[in-house]
Amino acid sequence: MGAAETESGGANSTNRTSSTPSITASQFLSWKRQKDAEASAKRAEAARKREEDIRAGIVQMNGRELFLYEPGVFDNDLY
């Protein structure tokens, strides 16, 4: 709050941005594509594992999965 703070730039100094590395748009897009590919692969692996677990009887199907697998179960015209 005194002269010492104004000499060093204070807590809200704008010099902090000069020490952070800047990236280009192409670097960001490359990183984003890599992260999206990793996330997609992770989701696909989880879906594959869930499908295996359902077939093995370890995990029950939820309603959506059952409807997609056997829609006739939800046909009310039979009653």
N, C-alpha and C. Protein backbone atom coordinates (compact mmCIF):
# COMPACT_ATOMS: atom_id res chain seq x y z
N MET A 1 0.81 -1.19 0.00
CA MET A 1 0.00 0.00 0.00
C MET A 1 0.85 1.26 0.00
N GLY A 2 2.11 1.11 -0.06
CA GLY A 2 2.96 2.29 -0.02
C GLY A 2 3.83 2.37 -1.25
N ALA A 3 4.96 3.01 -1.07
CA ALA A 3 5.88 3.21 -2.18
C ALA A 3 6.50 1.90 -2.64
N ALA A 4 6.69 0.97 -1.71
CA ALA A 4 7.31 -0.31 -2.06
C ALA A 4 6.42 -1.10 -3.02
N GLU A 5 5.11 -1.03 -2.82
CA GLU A 5 4.20 -1.77 -3.68
C GLU A 5 4.13 -1.17 -5.08
N THR A 6 4.16 0.15 -5.19
CA THR A 6 4.08 0.77 -6.50
C THR A 6 5.38 0.58 -7.27
N GLU A 7 6.51 0.46 -6.58
CA GLU A 7 7.78 0.26 -7.27
C GLU A 7 7.87 -1.16 -7.85
N SER A 8 7.36 -2.16 -7.10
CA SER A 8 7.45 -3.54 -7.58
C SER A 8 6.31 -3.90 -8.53
N GLY A 9 5.35 -3.04 -8.69
CA GLY A 9 4.26 -3.32 -9.59
C GLY A 9 2.99 -3.72 -8.88
N GLY A 10 3.04 -4.08 -7.63
CA GLY A 10 1.86 -4.43 -6.87
C GLY A 10 1.34 -5.81 -7.20
N ALA A 11 0.20 -6.15 -6.62
CA ALA A 11 -0.37 -7.47 -6.80
C ALA A 11 -1.02 -7.62 -8.17
N ASN A 12 -1.47 -6.55 -8.76
CA ASN A 12 -2.15 -6.62 -10.06
C ASN A 12 -1.24 -6.16 -11.19
N SER A 13 -0.04 -6.66 -11.21
CA SER A 13 0.92 -6.26 -12.21
C SER A 13 0.58 -6.85 -13.57
N THR A 14 0.80 -6.10 -14.63
CA THR A 14 0.55 -6.59 -15.98
C THR A 14 1.76 -7.33 -16.53
N ASN A 15 2.85 -7.38 -15.79
CA ASN A 15 4.05 -8.06 -16.26
C ASN A 15 3.91 -9.57 -16.21
N ARG A 16 2.90 -10.09 -15.54
CA ARG A 16 2.72 -11.54 -15.44
C ARG A 16 2.43 -12.16 -16.79
N THR A 17 1.75 -11.45 -17.64
CA THR A 17 1.39 -12.02 -18.94
C THR A 17 2.60 -12.18 -19.84
N SER A 18 3.63 -11.40 -19.63
CA SER A 18 4.81 -11.53 -20.49
C SER A 18 5.61 -12.78 -20.16
N SER A 19 5.47 -13.34 -18.97
CA SER A 19 6.22 -14.54 -18.62
C SER A 19 5.49 -15.83 -18.99
N THR A 20 4.20 -15.73 -19.33
CA THR A 20 3.47 -16.93 -19.73
C THR A 20 3.73 -17.21 -21.20
N PRO A 21 3.87 -18.48 -21.55
CA PRO A 21 4.14 -18.80 -22.96
C PRO A 21 2.90 -18.58 -23.82
N SER A 22 3.09 -18.00 -24.97
CA SER A 22 1.95 -17.80 -25.87
C SER A 22 1.95 -18.92 -26.90
N ILE A 23 0.76 -19.31 -27.33
CA ILE A 23 0.65 -20.36 -28.31
C ILE A 23 -0.07 -19.82 -29.53
N THR A 24 0.16 -20.46 -30.64
CA THR A 24 -0.49 -20.03 -31.87
C THR A 24 -1.82 -20.77 -32.01
N ALA A 25 -2.62 -20.30 -32.93
CA ALA A 25 -3.91 -20.94 -33.17
C ALA A 25 -3.73 -22.37 -33.66
N SER A 26 -2.74 -22.60 -34.49
CA SER A 26 -2.52 -23.96 -35.00
C SER A 26 -2.07 -24.89 -33.88
N GLN A 27 -1.28 -24.41 -32.94
CA GLN A 27 -0.87 -25.22 -31.79
C GLN A 27 -2.08 -25.57 -30.93
N PHE A 28 -2.96 -24.60 -30.72
CA PHE A 28 -4.16 -24.85 -29.93
C PHE A 28 -5.06 -25.87 -30.61
N LEU A 29 -5.28 -25.71 -31.92
CA LEU A 29 -6.13 -26.64 -32.65
C LEU A 29 -5.56 -28.05 -32.65
N SER A 30 -4.25 -28.15 -32.75
CA SER A 30 -3.60 -29.47 -32.70
C SER A 30 -3.82 -30.11 -31.33
N TRP A 31 -3.65 -29.33 -30.28
CA TRP A 31 -3.89 -29.83 -28.91
C TRP A 31 -5.34 -30.24 -28.73
N LYS A 32 -6.26 -29.42 -29.25
CA LYS A 32 -7.68 -29.69 -29.11
C LYS A 32 -8.07 -30.97 -29.85
N ARG A 33 -7.54 -31.18 -31.06
CA ARG A 33 -7.82 -32.41 -31.80
C ARG A 33 -7.30 -33.62 -31.05
N GLN A 34 -6.12 -33.50 -30.46
CA GLN A 34 -5.54 -34.60 -29.69
C GLN A 34 -6.40 -34.92 -28.47
N LYS A 35 -6.84 -33.90 -27.74
CA LYS A 35 -7.68 -34.12 -26.56
C LYS A 35 -9.02 -34.73 -26.96
N ASP A 36 -9.61 -34.27 -28.05
CA ASP A 36 -10.89 -34.83 -28.52
C ASP A 36 -10.73 -36.29 -28.93
N ALA A 37 -9.62 -36.61 -29.58
CA ALA A 37 -9.37 -38.00 -29.99
C ALA A 37 -9.20 -38.90 -28.77
N GLU A 38 -8.48 -38.41 -27.76
CA GLU A 38 -8.30 -39.19 -26.53
C GLU A 38 -9.64 -39.41 -25.82
N ALA A 39 -10.46 -38.38 -25.75
CA ALA A 39 -11.76 -38.50 -25.10
C ALA A 39 -12.67 -39.45 -25.86
N SER A 40 -12.63 -39.38 -27.18
CA SER A 40 -13.44 -40.27 -28.00
C SER A 40 -13.00 -41.72 -27.82
N ALA A 41 -11.71 -41.96 -27.79
CA ALA A 41 -11.20 -43.32 -27.59
C ALA A 41 -11.59 -43.84 -26.21
N LYS A 42 -11.56 -42.98 -25.22
CA LYS A 42 -11.92 -43.38 -23.86
C LYS A 42 -13.41 -43.74 -23.79
N ARG A 43 -14.27 -42.95 -24.44
CA ARG A 43 -15.70 -43.25 -24.46
C ARG A 43 -15.98 -44.55 -25.20
N ALA A 44 -15.28 -44.77 -26.31
CA ALA A 44 -15.48 -46.00 -27.08
C ALA A 44 -15.05 -47.21 -26.27
N GLU A 45 -13.96 -47.10 -25.55
CA GLU A 45 -13.49 -48.21 -24.72
C GLU A 45 -14.48 -48.51 -23.60
N ALA A 46 -15.04 -47.46 -22.99
CA ALA A 46 -16.02 -47.65 -21.92
C ALA A 46 -17.29 -48.31 -22.46
N ALA A 47 -17.72 -47.90 -23.65
CA ALA A 47 -18.91 -48.50 -24.26
C ALA A 47 -18.66 -49.96 -24.60
N ARG A 48 -17.48 -50.26 -25.13
CA ARG A 48 -17.14 -51.64 -25.46
C ARG A 48 -17.12 -52.51 -24.22
N LYS A 49 -16.54 -52.00 -23.13
CA LYS A 49 -16.47 -52.76 -21.89
C LYS A 49 -17.87 -52.97 -21.32
N ARG A 50 -18.72 -51.96 -21.38
CA ARG A 50 -20.09 -52.10 -20.87
C ARG A 50 -20.84 -53.15 -21.68
N GLU A 51 -20.66 -53.15 -23.01
CA GLU A 51 -21.30 -54.14 -23.86
C GLU A 51 -20.85 -55.56 -23.48
N GLU A 52 -19.57 -55.72 -23.22
CA GLU A 52 -19.05 -57.03 -22.80
C GLU A 52 -19.64 -57.45 -21.46
N ASP A 53 -19.73 -56.50 -20.54
CA ASP A 53 -20.27 -56.80 -19.20
C ASP A 53 -21.75 -57.17 -19.28
N ILE A 54 -22.49 -56.52 -20.16
CA ILE A 54 -23.91 -56.84 -20.33
C ILE A 54 -24.05 -58.25 -20.88
N ARG A 55 -23.25 -58.58 -21.89
CA ARG A 55 -23.31 -59.92 -22.47
C ARG A 55 -22.93 -61.00 -21.48
N ALA A 56 -22.00 -60.68 -20.58
CA ALA A 56 -21.56 -61.65 -19.58
C ALA A 56 -22.53 -61.73 -18.41
N GLY A 57 -23.47 -60.81 -18.32
CA GLY A 57 -24.45 -60.82 -17.24
C GLY A 57 -23.95 -60.14 -15.98
N ILE A 58 -22.87 -59.43 -16.06
CA ILE A 58 -22.32 -58.73 -14.90
C ILE A 58 -23.12 -57.47 -14.60
N VAL A 59 -23.57 -56.79 -15.66
CA VAL A 59 -24.29 -55.52 -15.55
C VAL A 59 -25.63 -55.66 -16.25
N GLN A 60 -26.68 -55.07 -15.67
CA GLN A 60 -28.00 -55.09 -16.31
C GLN A 60 -28.10 -53.97 -17.33
N MET A 61 -28.94 -54.18 -18.33
CA MET A 61 -29.22 -53.14 -19.31
C MET A 61 -30.09 -52.06 -18.69
N ASN A 62 -29.88 -50.84 -19.11
CA ASN A 62 -30.82 -49.80 -18.71
C ASN A 62 -31.97 -49.78 -19.71
N GLY A 63 -32.95 -48.95 -19.50
CA GLY A 63 -34.14 -48.93 -20.34
C GLY A 63 -33.84 -48.62 -21.79
N ARG A 64 -32.98 -47.66 -22.03
CA ARG A 64 -32.66 -47.29 -23.41
C ARG A 64 -31.96 -48.44 -24.13
N GLU A 65 -31.01 -49.06 -23.45
CA GLU A 65 -30.30 -50.18 -24.07
C GLU A 65 -31.26 -51.35 -24.37
N LEU A 66 -32.17 -51.61 -23.46
CA LEU A 66 -33.14 -52.67 -23.68
C LEU A 66 -34.06 -52.33 -24.85
N PHE A 67 -34.50 -51.08 -24.94
CA PHE A 67 -35.36 -50.67 -26.05
C PHE A 67 -34.64 -50.80 -27.38
N LEU A 68 -33.37 -50.43 -27.43
CA LEU A 68 -32.62 -50.54 -28.67
C LEU A 68 -32.33 -52.00 -29.02
N TYR A 69 -32.15 -52.83 -28.02
CA TYR A 69 -31.84 -54.25 -28.23
C TYR A 69 -33.08 -55.04 -28.62
N GLU A 70 -34.20 -54.78 -27.92
CA GLU A 70 -35.43 -55.54 -28.16
C GLU A 70 -36.64 -54.63 -27.97
N PRO A 71 -37.01 -53.86 -29.00
CA PRO A 71 -38.11 -52.90 -28.86
C PRO A 71 -39.47 -53.55 -28.66
N GLY A 72 -39.63 -54.79 -28.98
CA GLY A 72 -40.90 -55.47 -28.80
C GLY A 72 -41.33 -55.59 -27.36
N VAL A 73 -40.39 -55.49 -26.45
CA VAL A 73 -40.71 -55.56 -25.03
C VAL A 73 -41.60 -54.40 -24.63
N PHE A 74 -41.48 -53.28 -25.30
CA PHE A 74 -42.20 -52.06 -24.96
C PHE A 74 -43.46 -51.85 -25.78
N ASP A 75 -43.89 -52.86 -26.52
CA ASP A 75 -45.07 -52.76 -27.36
C ASP A 75 -46.30 -53.00 -26.50
N ASN A 76 -47.13 -51.99 -26.30
CA ASN A 76 -48.33 -52.09 -25.46
C ASN A 76 -49.52 -52.67 -26.20
N ASP A 77 -49.41 -52.90 -27.49
CA ASP A 77 -50.52 -53.46 -28.25
C ASP A 77 -50.78 -54.92 -27.91
N LEU A 78 -49.86 -55.56 -27.26
CA LEU A 78 -50.00 -56.98 -26.93
C LEU A 78 -50.96 -57.20 -25.78
N TYR A 79 -51.27 -56.17 -25.01
CA TYR A 79 -52.11 -56.34 -23.82
C TYR A 79 -53.53 -55.96 -24.07
